[in-house]
């Protein structure tokens, strides 16, 4: 008979075992797809910012190239002691500075002395200062465009220096320099990501995070540190390396990096300051600068959590639907069983035989190597037991007899309670098998039952019939019932069974 619980728990166990695999697959797929999407976005950001930075630098570099041919500046360099020429040059450079959004423009003699500057009236004016040690001065003096990033010796502001020589009549008269403040350059970048720009030595001079500025991508060699010190490029700065742990993502050009975002002024526990980023780097070939775009992996982790929650919700919905379907199936089978199963003993009832007439015989009678026999028996004096001891005792007797019948039968045999104290069993046999020993075991088992309410052991009267194709199930039951009546006529505690395969088993 059907039991719903094992199937239900098996389904729950299988779905529960599947959940970790589904969550792992969802997390893995989400991480990979999110990283690839972010990598594409970072690539677009990198290209956009690199192009914008290149154009901005080009616009700056054009200015000293044009001023190198300015007649007023040439005249001053030819006569640097003229107060009128100095004043006129300062005012002209100051006016140009306003047009260039505050860039500092200054004019240097061949010896490196600043003879005029746009900030000539400021407390930290460059006028009278010697910057001949700067590489941008030596580059321009040698006939090459000067390009240099450094911390201002006077202003202490990070800037980009573009320079060009002032030339006339095959003679180098001096150098003109434009310094652009780079301290606010990060404002031009996309707020959806972090960025940093490092020079050819790996020193970060531009960054969306102040704590990364003037750090290095790798430890600097002593030779490089000596050169930086000689040029006073980052004077007074420690230039400590960032603690970068990098690994390339699967099938992509981006990297996963871990960076410390703590500041020296506000230190925090290491576990709270190390952030994982998806990073992508580009190179400005003509300058040797590295441009990095970094996106925190919070988006990836958020997408993983959202998708895992979605998978978990779908799994829970599937589980509920499956359990609901199994419950409905259980109810249908339960209703069906309530019609074909005896409510007291749990055995099949007569309706079961009627409902399965078309399938029961073919199931067990499959040719010359298999067959069917029916064992039918009555509890002797069952009516008298009910009259003497009451319905409760009768019910106990029926339950005990049903349990004994199950114990005697083999797996595949069908136990049935036909009516009151009448039981039967449909037995699967082979041709020539004798069913009488089964009946005898059942009869002996009845005598071994002990019920406190009964003063004497139970006995049964049994009849056996063998199936002879092509008779119907009704005919087979009639013959078994006739054998049962014969046993009762012989007295109680009797078994009436023909020899297996005896043609006389077929009663008229």
Protein backbone atom coordinates (compact mmCIF):
# COMPACT_ATOMS: atom_id res chain seq x y z
CA UNK A 1 0.00 0.00 0.00
CA UNK A 2 1.12 3.53 -0.75
CA UNK A 3 3.11 5.64 1.72
CA UNK A 4 3.72 9.28 0.78
CA UNK A 5 6.38 10.17 3.33
CA UNK A 6 9.46 8.41 1.85
CA UNK A 7 8.85 9.91 -1.57
CA UNK A 8 8.31 13.38 -0.15
CA UNK A 9 11.45 13.31 1.96
CA UNK A 10 13.42 11.90 -0.97
CA UNK A 11 12.33 14.82 -3.16
CA UNK A 12 13.15 17.32 -0.41
CA UNK A 13 16.58 15.71 0.08
CA UNK A 14 17.34 15.79 -3.66
CA UNK A 15 16.26 19.43 -4.02
CA UNK A 16 18.17 20.41 -0.88
CA UNK A 17 21.28 18.67 -2.18
CA UNK A 18 20.86 20.52 -5.48
CA UNK A 19 20.63 23.94 -3.82
CA UNK A 20 24.38 24.37 -3.01
CA UNK A 21 25.28 23.44 -6.58
CA UNK A 22 22.75 25.92 -7.96
CA UNK A 23 24.00 28.67 -5.66
CA UNK A 24 27.63 27.96 -6.59
CA UNK A 25 26.81 27.98 -10.30
CA UNK A 26 24.83 31.21 -9.91
CA UNK A 27 27.65 32.88 -7.97
CA UNK A 28 30.30 31.73 -10.46
CA UNK A 29 28.30 32.79 -13.53
CA UNK A 30 27.30 36.09 -11.94
CA UNK A 31 30.86 36.90 -10.93
CA UNK A 32 32.24 36.13 -14.38
CA UNK A 33 29.52 38.03 -16.28
CA UNK A 34 29.67 41.00 -13.88
CA UNK A 35 33.46 41.19 -14.16
CA UNK A 36 33.28 41.07 -17.95
CA UNK A 37 30.63 43.79 -18.02
CA UNK A 38 32.62 45.97 -15.64
CA UNK A 39 35.75 45.29 -17.69
CA UNK A 40 34.02 46.61 -20.81
CA UNK A 41 32.80 49.67 -18.91
CA UNK A 42 36.26 50.31 -17.51
CA UNK A 43 37.72 49.94 -20.98
CA UNK A 44 35.35 52.63 -22.25
CA UNK A 45 36.15 54.87 -19.27
CA UNK A 46 39.86 54.35 -19.81
CA UNK A 47 39.65 55.22 -23.50
CA UNK A 48 37.52 58.29 -22.81
CA UNK A 49 39.75 59.63 -20.06
CA UNK A 50 42.99 58.86 -21.90
CA UNK A 51 41.73 60.68 -24.97
CA UNK A 52 40.58 63.62 -22.86
CA UNK A 53 43.86 63.80 -20.95
CA UNK A 54 45.90 63.58 -24.15
CA UNK A 55 43.89 66.42 -25.70
CA UNK A 56 44.21 68.56 -22.56
CA UNK A 57 47.97 68.07 -22.51
CA UNK A 58 48.21 68.87 -26.21
CA UNK A 59 46.28 72.11 -25.66
CA UNK A 60 48.77 73.08 -22.94
CA UNK A 61 51.82 72.16 -25.01
CA UNK A 62 50.74 74.37 -27.89
CA UNK A 63 50.97 77.50 -25.75
CA UNK A 64 54.75 77.58 -25.05
CA UNK A 65 55.41 76.60 -28.67
CA UNK A 66 53.50 79.70 -29.80
CA UNK A 67 54.98 81.97 -27.11
CA UNK A 68 58.46 80.95 -28.23
CA UNK A 69 57.92 83.19 -31.27
CA UNK A 70 56.45 86.13 -29.33
CA UNK A 71 58.33 89.37 -30.15
CA UNK A 72 57.66 90.99 -26.76
CA UNK A 73 59.19 88.03 -24.91
CA UNK A 74 62.17 87.99 -27.26
CA UNK A 75 62.77 91.67 -26.66
CA UNK A 76 62.73 91.15 -22.89
CA UNK A 77 65.25 88.29 -23.09
CA UNK A 78 67.53 90.50 -25.19
CA UNK A 79 67.24 93.29 -22.61
CA UNK A 80 66.31 91.62 -19.25
CA UNK A 81 67.34 94.68 -17.23
CA UNK A 82 64.68 96.97 -18.75
CA UNK A 83 61.98 97.63 -16.09
CA UNK A 84 59.48 98.64 -18.77
CA UNK A 85 59.96 95.42 -20.73
CA UNK A 86 59.75 93.32 -17.55
CA UNK A 87 56.50 95.04 -16.48
CA UNK A 88 54.97 94.66 -19.96
CA UNK A 89 55.92 90.96 -20.11
CA UNK A 90 54.53 90.27 -16.63
CA UNK A 91 51.24 91.92 -17.51
CA UNK A 92 51.02 90.08 -20.81
CA UNK A 93 51.70 86.72 -19.17
CA UNK A 94 49.19 87.51 -16.41
CA UNK A 95 46.51 88.19 -19.02
CA UNK A 96 47.30 84.96 -20.86
CA UNK A 97 47.13 83.08 -17.55
CA UNK A 98 43.55 84.18 -17.03
CA UNK A 99 42.67 82.87 -20.48
CA UNK A 100 44.29 79.53 -19.56
CA UNK A 101 42.21 79.16 -16.36
CA UNK A 102 44.97 80.09 -13.96
CA UNK A 103 47.94 78.28 -15.51
CA UNK A 104 51.25 79.85 -14.48
CA UNK A 105 53.39 81.11 -17.40
CA UNK A 106 56.96 82.16 -16.81
CA UNK A 107 59.97 83.16 -18.88
CA UNK A 108 63.48 81.91 -18.07
CA UNK A 109 66.90 83.12 -19.16
CA UNK A 110 69.45 80.67 -20.64
CA UNK A 111 70.94 80.41 -17.14
CA UNK A 112 67.63 79.24 -15.63
CA UNK A 113 66.57 82.49 -13.92
CA UNK A 114 62.92 83.51 -14.11
CA UNK A 115 62.77 87.02 -15.58
CA UNK A 116 58.96 87.34 -15.91
CA UNK A 117 55.93 85.36 -14.69
CA UNK A 118 52.15 85.55 -14.69
CA UNK A 119 52.18 85.31 -10.87
CA UNK A 120 54.62 88.23 -10.52
CA UNK A 121 52.39 89.90 -7.93
CA UNK A 122 51.77 86.75 -5.81
CA UNK A 123 53.67 86.11 -2.54
CA UNK A 124 55.06 82.89 -4.06
CA UNK A 125 56.01 84.55 -7.35
CA UNK A 126 58.46 82.66 -9.56
CA UNK A 127 60.27 85.86 -10.57
CA UNK A 128 63.89 85.83 -9.52
CA UNK A 129 63.90 82.07 -8.88
CA UNK A 130 66.29 79.72 -10.64
CA UNK A 131 64.75 76.50 -11.99
CA UNK A 132 67.64 75.51 -14.19
CA UNK A 133 67.84 72.13 -12.44
CA UNK A 134 64.46 71.09 -13.82
CA UNK A 135 64.48 68.62 -16.75
CA UNK A 136 61.85 70.62 -18.66
CA UNK A 137 64.33 73.56 -18.79
CA UNK A 138 67.19 71.41 -20.06
CA UNK A 139 64.92 69.67 -22.61
CA UNK A 140 63.68 72.94 -24.09
CA UNK A 141 67.14 74.51 -24.05
CA UNK A 142 68.32 71.54 -26.11
CA UNK A 143 65.66 72.15 -28.74
CA UNK A 144 63.11 69.53 -27.63
CA UNK A 145 59.63 70.15 -26.25
CA UNK A 146 59.78 69.98 -22.47
CA UNK A 147 57.22 67.74 -20.70
CA UNK A 148 57.44 67.14 -17.01
CA UNK A 149 55.33 66.38 -13.94
CA UNK A 150 56.59 67.60 -10.60
CA UNK A 151 55.68 69.12 -7.27
CA UNK A 152 56.28 72.86 -7.35
CA UNK A 153 59.41 73.84 -5.44
CA UNK A 154 57.87 77.20 -4.59
CA UNK A 155 54.10 76.52 -4.69
CA UNK A 156 54.18 72.88 -3.44
CA UNK A 157 51.38 72.19 -5.95
CA UNK A 158 51.58 69.23 -8.34
CA UNK A 159 51.66 70.45 -11.91
CA UNK A 160 52.38 69.60 -15.51
CA UNK A 161 55.17 71.66 -17.06
CA UNK A 162 55.26 72.23 -20.82
CA UNK A 163 58.18 74.26 -22.19
CA UNK A 164 59.70 75.50 -25.43
CA UNK A 165 62.78 77.55 -26.24
CA UNK A 166 62.64 81.17 -27.37
CA UNK A 167 64.70 81.33 -30.52
CA UNK A 168 65.75 84.22 -32.76
CA UNK A 169 68.50 84.70 -35.33
CA UNK A 170 69.88 81.18 -34.69
CA UNK A 171 70.30 82.08 -31.06
CA UNK A 172 68.63 80.58 -27.97
CA UNK A 173 67.34 83.51 -25.97
CA UNK A 174 65.63 81.56 -23.19
CA UNK A 175 62.79 79.17 -22.31
CA UNK A 176 59.07 79.82 -21.82
CA UNK A 177 57.16 77.43 -19.52
CA UNK A 178 53.47 76.81 -18.85
CA UNK A 179 52.60 75.09 -15.57
CA UNK A 180 49.08 73.64 -15.24
CA UNK A 181 47.72 72.77 -11.80
CA UNK A 182 47.03 69.01 -11.75
CA UNK A 183 45.63 68.92 -8.23
CA UNK A 184 42.02 69.19 -9.53
CA UNK A 185 42.49 67.10 -12.67
CA UNK A 186 40.60 64.15 -11.11
CA UNK A 187 37.38 66.18 -11.30
CA UNK A 188 37.31 65.49 -15.03
CA UNK A 189 36.95 61.77 -14.42
CA UNK A 190 33.82 59.57 -14.19
CA UNK A 191 32.56 59.46 -10.62
CA UNK A 192 31.51 55.82 -11.06
CA UNK A 193 35.09 54.60 -10.71
CA UNK A 194 38.45 55.42 -9.14
CA UNK A 195 41.48 56.34 -11.21
CA UNK A 196 45.17 57.08 -10.90
CA UNK A 197 47.91 58.23 -13.26
CA UNK A 198 51.57 57.35 -12.68
CA UNK A 199 54.66 58.70 -14.42
CA UNK A 200 57.34 56.63 -16.12
CA UNK A 201 58.95 55.83 -12.75
CA UNK A 202 55.65 54.53 -11.38
CA UNK A 203 54.96 57.51 -9.08
CA UNK A 204 51.23 58.24 -8.81
CA UNK A 205 50.74 62.00 -9.29
CA UNK A 206 47.03 62.05 -10.15
CA UNK A 207 44.37 60.09 -8.28
CA UNK A 208 40.72 60.24 -7.37
CA UNK A 209 41.75 59.16 -3.86
CA UNK A 210 44.13 61.57 -2.08
CA UNK A 211 45.73 58.75 -0.07
CA UNK A 212 47.04 57.13 -3.27
CA UNK A 213 48.70 60.32 -4.53
CA UNK A 214 52.50 60.33 -4.32
CA UNK A 215 52.58 56.59 -3.69
CA UNK A 216 54.32 54.24 -6.12
CA UNK A 217 53.11 51.20 -8.03
CA UNK A 218 56.27 49.33 -7.05
CA UNK A 219 59.28 49.99 -4.83
CA UNK A 220 61.63 52.53 -6.41
CA UNK A 221 65.23 51.58 -7.13
CA UNK A 222 67.94 53.69 -5.44
CA UNK A 223 69.02 55.03 -8.83
CA UNK A 224 65.50 56.32 -9.54
CA UNK A 225 65.19 57.86 -6.07
CA UNK A 226 68.51 59.64 -6.60
CA UNK A 227 67.32 61.06 -9.91
CA UNK A 228 64.02 62.26 -8.38
CA UNK A 229 65.93 63.92 -5.54
CA UNK A 230 68.40 65.59 -7.92
CA UNK A 231 65.54 67.07 -9.98
CA UNK A 232 63.60 67.95 -6.82
CA UNK A 233 60.62 66.36 -8.59
CA UNK A 234 58.74 65.25 -5.47
CA UNK A 235 60.73 67.06 -2.83
CA UNK A 236 59.81 66.22 0.77
CA UNK A 237 57.59 63.25 -0.11
CA UNK A 238 58.17 59.69 1.11
CA UNK A 239 56.95 57.95 -2.09
CA UNK A 240 55.97 54.73 -0.32
CA UNK A 241 54.76 51.87 -2.54
CA UNK A 242 51.11 50.86 -2.55
CA UNK A 243 50.41 47.36 -1.30
CA UNK A 244 48.99 45.96 -4.55
CA UNK A 245 47.95 42.32 -4.93
CA UNK A 246 46.90 41.62 -8.52
CA UNK A 247 45.46 38.70 -10.48
CA UNK A 248 44.05 38.59 -14.01
CA UNK A 249 40.40 37.69 -14.52
CA UNK A 250 39.44 34.71 -16.66
CA UNK A 251 39.54 35.42 -20.38
CA UNK A 252 39.93 39.18 -19.94
CA UNK A 253 42.51 41.96 -20.01
CA UNK A 254 41.44 43.47 -16.68
CA UNK A 255 42.91 42.60 -13.29
CA UNK A 256 41.60 42.09 -9.80
CA UNK A 257 43.68 44.21 -7.42
CA UNK A 258 43.55 44.77 -3.67
CA UNK A 259 44.58 48.22 -2.44
CA UNK A 260 44.89 49.77 0.98
CA UNK A 261 42.68 52.87 1.19
CA UNK A 262 43.79 53.91 4.69
CA UNK A 263 45.35 57.35 5.16
CA UNK A 264 48.33 58.01 7.43
CA UNK A 265 46.29 60.65 9.26
CA UNK A 266 43.38 58.28 9.90
CA UNK A 267 44.68 54.70 10.15
CA UNK A 268 42.20 51.84 10.46
CA UNK A 269 42.40 48.09 10.94
CA UNK A 270 43.83 46.40 7.85
CA UNK A 271 40.72 44.28 7.31
CA UNK A 272 38.64 47.48 6.98
CA UNK A 273 40.95 49.36 4.61
CA UNK A 274 41.85 46.77 1.98
CA UNK A 275 39.41 47.06 -0.92
CA UNK A 276 39.19 44.81 -3.96
CA UNK A 277 38.93 46.53 -7.34
CA UNK A 278 38.52 45.52 -10.94
CA UNK A 279 41.42 47.42 -12.57
CA UNK A 280 42.33 48.20 -16.15
CA UNK A 281 45.43 50.09 -17.23
CA UNK A 282 46.42 52.02 -20.33
CA UNK A 283 49.69 53.61 -21.44
CA UNK A 284 50.34 57.08 -22.85
CA UNK A 285 53.15 55.96 -25.13
CA UNK A 286 54.63 59.41 -25.91
CA UNK A 287 55.01 60.14 -22.18
CA UNK A 288 55.34 56.71 -20.60
CA UNK A 289 52.48 57.41 -18.19
CA UNK A 290 50.23 54.66 -16.86
CA UNK A 291 46.51 55.41 -16.54
CA UNK A 292 44.54 53.12 -14.24
CA UNK A 293 40.77 52.79 -13.94
CA UNK A 294 39.53 50.92 -10.87
CA UNK A 295 35.97 49.90 -9.99
CA UNK A 296 35.20 48.53 -6.50
CA UNK A 297 33.97 44.95 -6.57
CA UNK A 298 30.94 45.93 -4.47
CA UNK A 299 28.90 45.80 -7.67
CA UNK A 300 30.07 42.23 -8.30
CA UNK A 301 29.36 41.15 -4.73
CA UNK A 302 25.98 42.88 -4.84
CA UNK A 303 25.09 41.15 -8.11
CA UNK A 304 26.19 37.79 -6.66
CA UNK A 305 24.04 38.29 -3.57
CA UNK A 306 21.03 39.39 -5.65
CA UNK A 307 21.32 36.44 -8.04
CA UNK A 308 21.88 33.96 -5.23
CA UNK A 309 18.78 35.31 -3.50
CA UNK A 310 16.88 35.01 -6.78
CA UNK A 311 18.06 31.42 -7.25
CA UNK A 312 17.17 30.65 -3.64
CA UNK A 313 13.71 32.15 -4.13
CA UNK A 314 13.19 30.17 -7.34
CA UNK A 315 14.42 27.02 -5.59
CA UNK A 316 12.02 27.65 -2.71
CA UNK A 317 9.16 28.24 -5.15
CA UNK A 318 9.99 25.01 -6.99
CA UNK A 319 10.19 23.17 -3.68
CA UNK A 320 6.81 24.53 -2.60
CA UNK A 321 5.24 23.66 -5.97
CA UNK A 322 6.74 20.15 -5.92
CA UNK A 323 5.60 19.56 -2.35
CA UNK A 324 2.19 20.94 -3.24
CA UNK A 325 2.01 18.59 -6.23
CA UNK A 326 3.09 15.65 -4.09
CA UNK A 327 0.52 16.62 -1.47
CA UNK A 328 -2.23 16.67 -4.08
CA UNK A 329 -0.99 13.32 -5.37
CA UNK A 330 -1.00 11.98 -1.84
CA UNK A 331 -4.54 13.20 -1.34
CA UNK A 332 -5.70 11.57 -4.57
CA UNK A 333 -4.03 8.30 -3.64
CA UNK A 334 -5.31 8.60 -0.11
CA UNK A 335 -8.87 9.05 -1.37
CA UNK A 336 -8.40 6.13 -3.70
CA UNK A 337 -6.99 4.01 -0.90
CA UNK A 338 -9.89 4.94 1.34
CA UNK A 339 -12.12 3.14 -1.19
CA UNK A 340 -9.93 0.08 -1.68
CA UNK A 341 -8.32 -0.33 1.75
CA UNK A 342 -10.03 -1.58 4.89
CA UNK A 343 -9.91 1.20 7.45
CA UNK A 344 -9.48 -1.10 10.46
CA UNK A 345 -6.86 -3.61 9.34
CA UNK A 346 -5.13 -1.68 6.54
CA UNK A 347 -5.60 -4.62 4.14
CA UNK A 348 -7.17 -4.31 0.71
CA UNK A 349 -10.95 -4.75 0.60
CA UNK A 350 -13.35 -6.40 -1.82
CA UNK A 351 -13.64 -3.17 -3.87
CA UNK A 352 -9.93 -3.49 -4.65
CA UNK A 353 -10.55 -6.89 -6.21
CA UNK A 354 -13.40 -5.52 -8.28
CA UNK A 355 -11.40 -2.47 -9.42
CA UNK A 356 -8.31 -4.50 -10.38
CA UNK A 357 -9.99 -7.51 -12.01
CA UNK A 358 -8.58 -6.55 -15.41
CA UNK A 359 -4.98 -6.20 -14.26
CA UNK A 360 -4.58 -8.55 -11.28
CA UNK A 361 -4.73 -11.83 -13.19
CA UNK A 362 -2.45 -10.70 -16.08
CA UNK A 363 0.05 -9.31 -13.56
CA UNK A 364 0.55 -12.70 -11.88
CA UNK A 365 -0.34 -15.14 -14.65
CA UNK A 366 2.39 -14.63 -17.29
CA UNK A 367 2.63 -17.93 -19.05
CA UNK A 368 3.93 -21.37 -18.19
CA UNK A 369 6.44 -20.24 -15.59
CA UNK A 370 3.99 -18.38 -13.29
CA UNK A 371 0.52 -18.71 -11.86
CA UNK A 372 -1.98 -17.67 -9.19
CA UNK A 373 -3.56 -19.31 -6.18
CA UNK A 374 -6.12 -17.94 -3.74
CA UNK A 375 -6.13 -18.70 -0.01
CA UNK A 376 -9.43 -17.81 1.69
CA UNK A 377 -10.17 -18.31 5.40
CA UNK A 378 -12.70 -17.54 8.12
CA UNK A 379 -12.07 -16.92 11.81
CA UNK A 380 -13.91 -19.77 13.51
CA UNK A 381 -16.79 -18.72 15.76
CA UNK A 382 -16.20 -15.04 14.94
CA UNK A 383 -19.89 -14.20 15.42
CA UNK A 384 -19.90 -15.84 18.85
CA UNK A 385 -16.77 -13.88 19.84
CA UNK A 386 -18.56 -10.65 18.98
CA UNK A 387 -21.68 -11.63 20.87
CA UNK A 388 -19.72 -12.69 23.95
CA UNK A 389 -16.94 -10.09 24.16
CA UNK A 390 -18.16 -7.08 22.21
CA UNK A 391 -17.10 -5.06 19.19
CA UNK A 392 -13.87 -3.81 20.69
CA UNK A 393 -12.56 -7.34 21.16
CA UNK A 394 -13.65 -8.23 17.63
CA UNK A 395 -11.69 -5.27 16.27
CA UNK A 396 -8.61 -6.34 18.19
CA UNK A 397 -8.98 -9.87 16.83
CA UNK A 398 -9.26 -8.57 13.25
CA UNK A 399 -6.15 -6.37 13.66
CA UNK A 400 -4.12 -9.26 15.10
CA UNK A 401 -5.24 -11.63 12.31
CA UNK A 402 -4.37 -9.03 9.64
CA UNK A 403 -0.88 -8.65 11.14
CA UNK A 404 -0.39 -12.43 11.18
CA UNK A 405 -1.47 -12.68 7.55
CA UNK A 406 1.06 -10.05 6.49
CA UNK A 407 3.79 -11.90 8.37
CA UNK A 408 3.02 -15.19 6.63
CA UNK A 409 2.81 -13.81 3.08
CA UNK A 410 5.70 -13.00 0.82
CA UNK A 411 6.46 -9.69 -0.88
CA UNK A 412 4.17 -9.42 -3.89
CA UNK A 413 1.30 -11.43 -2.40
CA UNK A 414 -1.93 -9.47 -1.93
CA UNK A 415 -3.75 -9.69 1.47
CA UNK A 416 -7.46 -8.85 1.44
CA UNK A 417 -10.22 -8.59 4.07
CA UNK A 418 -13.41 -9.63 2.29
CA UNK A 419 -16.02 -9.23 5.02
CA UNK A 420 -16.35 -9.49 8.83
CA UNK A 421 -14.02 -12.34 9.81
CA UNK A 422 -13.30 -13.53 6.26
CA UNK A 423 -9.83 -12.92 4.76
CA UNK A 424 -8.06 -14.01 1.62
CA UNK A 425 -4.70 -13.71 -0.14
CA UNK A 426 -3.81 -13.71 -3.83
CA UNK A 427 -0.56 -15.65 -4.09
CA UNK A 428 1.98 -15.59 -6.91
CA UNK A 429 3.19 -19.15 -7.55
CA UNK A 430 4.95 -21.28 -10.09
CA UNK A 431 3.24 -24.21 -11.78
CA UNK A 432 3.26 -27.19 -9.43
CA UNK A 433 3.72 -25.10 -6.25
CA UNK A 434 1.62 -26.32 -3.31
CA UNK A 435 -0.15 -23.56 -1.37
CA UNK A 436 -1.32 -25.82 1.45
CA UNK A 437 1.89 -25.19 3.52
CA UNK A 438 1.08 -21.46 3.44
CA UNK A 439 -2.42 -22.19 4.72
CA UNK A 440 -1.02 -24.46 7.42
CA UNK A 441 1.42 -21.80 8.56
CA UNK A 442 -1.43 -19.33 8.79
CA UNK A 443 -3.54 -21.80 10.74
CA UNK A 444 -0.67 -22.46 13.14
CA UNK A 445 0.02 -18.74 13.50
CA UNK A 446 -3.58 -18.20 14.63
CA UNK A 447 -3.15 -20.68 17.46
CA UNK A 448 -0.07 -18.78 18.64
CA UNK A 449 -1.93 -15.48 18.97
CA UNK A 450 -2.78 -14.56 22.53
CA UNK A 451 -5.54 -12.08 23.37
CA UNK A 452 -6.27 -11.31 27.00
CA UNK A 453 -10.02 -11.11 26.39
CA UNK A 454 -10.23 -14.60 24.84
CA UNK A 455 -9.94 -17.72 27.01
CA UNK A 456 -8.89 -19.98 24.12
CA UNK A 457 -6.67 -19.68 21.01
CA UNK A 458 -8.08 -18.53 17.70
CA UNK A 459 -8.61 -21.03 14.90
CA UNK A 460 -9.42 -20.62 11.23
CA UNK A 461 -10.99 -22.65 8.46
CA UNK A 462 -9.31 -22.18 5.07
CA UNK A 463 -9.85 -23.08 1.44
CA UNK A 464 -7.38 -22.99 -1.46
CA UNK A 465 -8.05 -22.67 -5.20
CA UNK A 466 -5.61 -22.54 -8.15
CA UNK A 467 -6.20 -20.37 -11.17
CA UNK A 468 -6.97 -22.15 -14.46
CA UNK A 469 -6.90 -19.86 -17.49
CA UNK A 470 -8.98 -18.45 -19.01
CA UNK A 471 -11.39 -18.35 -16.10
CA UNK A 472 -12.34 -15.02 -14.51
CA UNK A 473 -11.33 -13.75 -11.10
CA UNK A 474 -14.94 -14.11 -9.93
CA UNK A 475 -14.88 -17.79 -10.86
CA UNK A 476 -11.55 -18.29 -9.05
CA UNK A 477 -12.98 -16.68 -5.90
CA UNK A 478 -16.09 -18.83 -6.12
CA UNK A 479 -13.97 -22.00 -6.13
CA UNK A 480 -11.89 -20.73 -3.19
CA UNK A 481 -15.10 -19.93 -1.30
CA UNK A 482 -16.40 -23.43 -2.02
CA UNK A 483 -13.21 -24.96 -0.59
CA UNK A 484 -13.66 -22.74 2.49
CA UNK A 485 -17.21 -24.05 2.96
CA UNK A 486 -15.95 -27.60 2.63
CA UNK A 487 -13.38 -26.91 5.36
CA UNK A 488 -16.10 -25.51 7.66
CA UNK A 489 -18.27 -28.57 7.05
CA UNK A 490 -15.38 -30.76 8.18
CA UNK A 491 -15.23 -28.86 11.47
CA UNK A 492 -13.21 -25.90 12.74
CA UNK A 493 -9.45 -25.51 12.36
CA UNK A 494 -9.38 -27.21 8.94
CA UNK A 495 -7.71 -26.54 5.55
CA UNK A 496 -9.29 -27.75 2.33
CA UNK A 497 -6.89 -27.65 -0.61
CA UNK A 498 -6.55 -29.81 -3.73
CA UNK A 499 -3.12 -30.98 -4.87
CA UNK A 500 -1.39 -28.37 -7.03
CA UNK A 501 -2.35 -28.78 -10.68
CA UNK A 502 -5.07 -31.35 -9.88
CA UNK A 503 -7.76 -31.12 -12.57
CA UNK A 504 -10.35 -31.93 -9.92
CA UNK A 505 -9.65 -28.46 -8.51
CA UNK A 506 -12.08 -27.19 -11.15
CA UNK A 507 -15.42 -27.51 -9.47
CA UNK A 508 -18.62 -27.73 -11.53
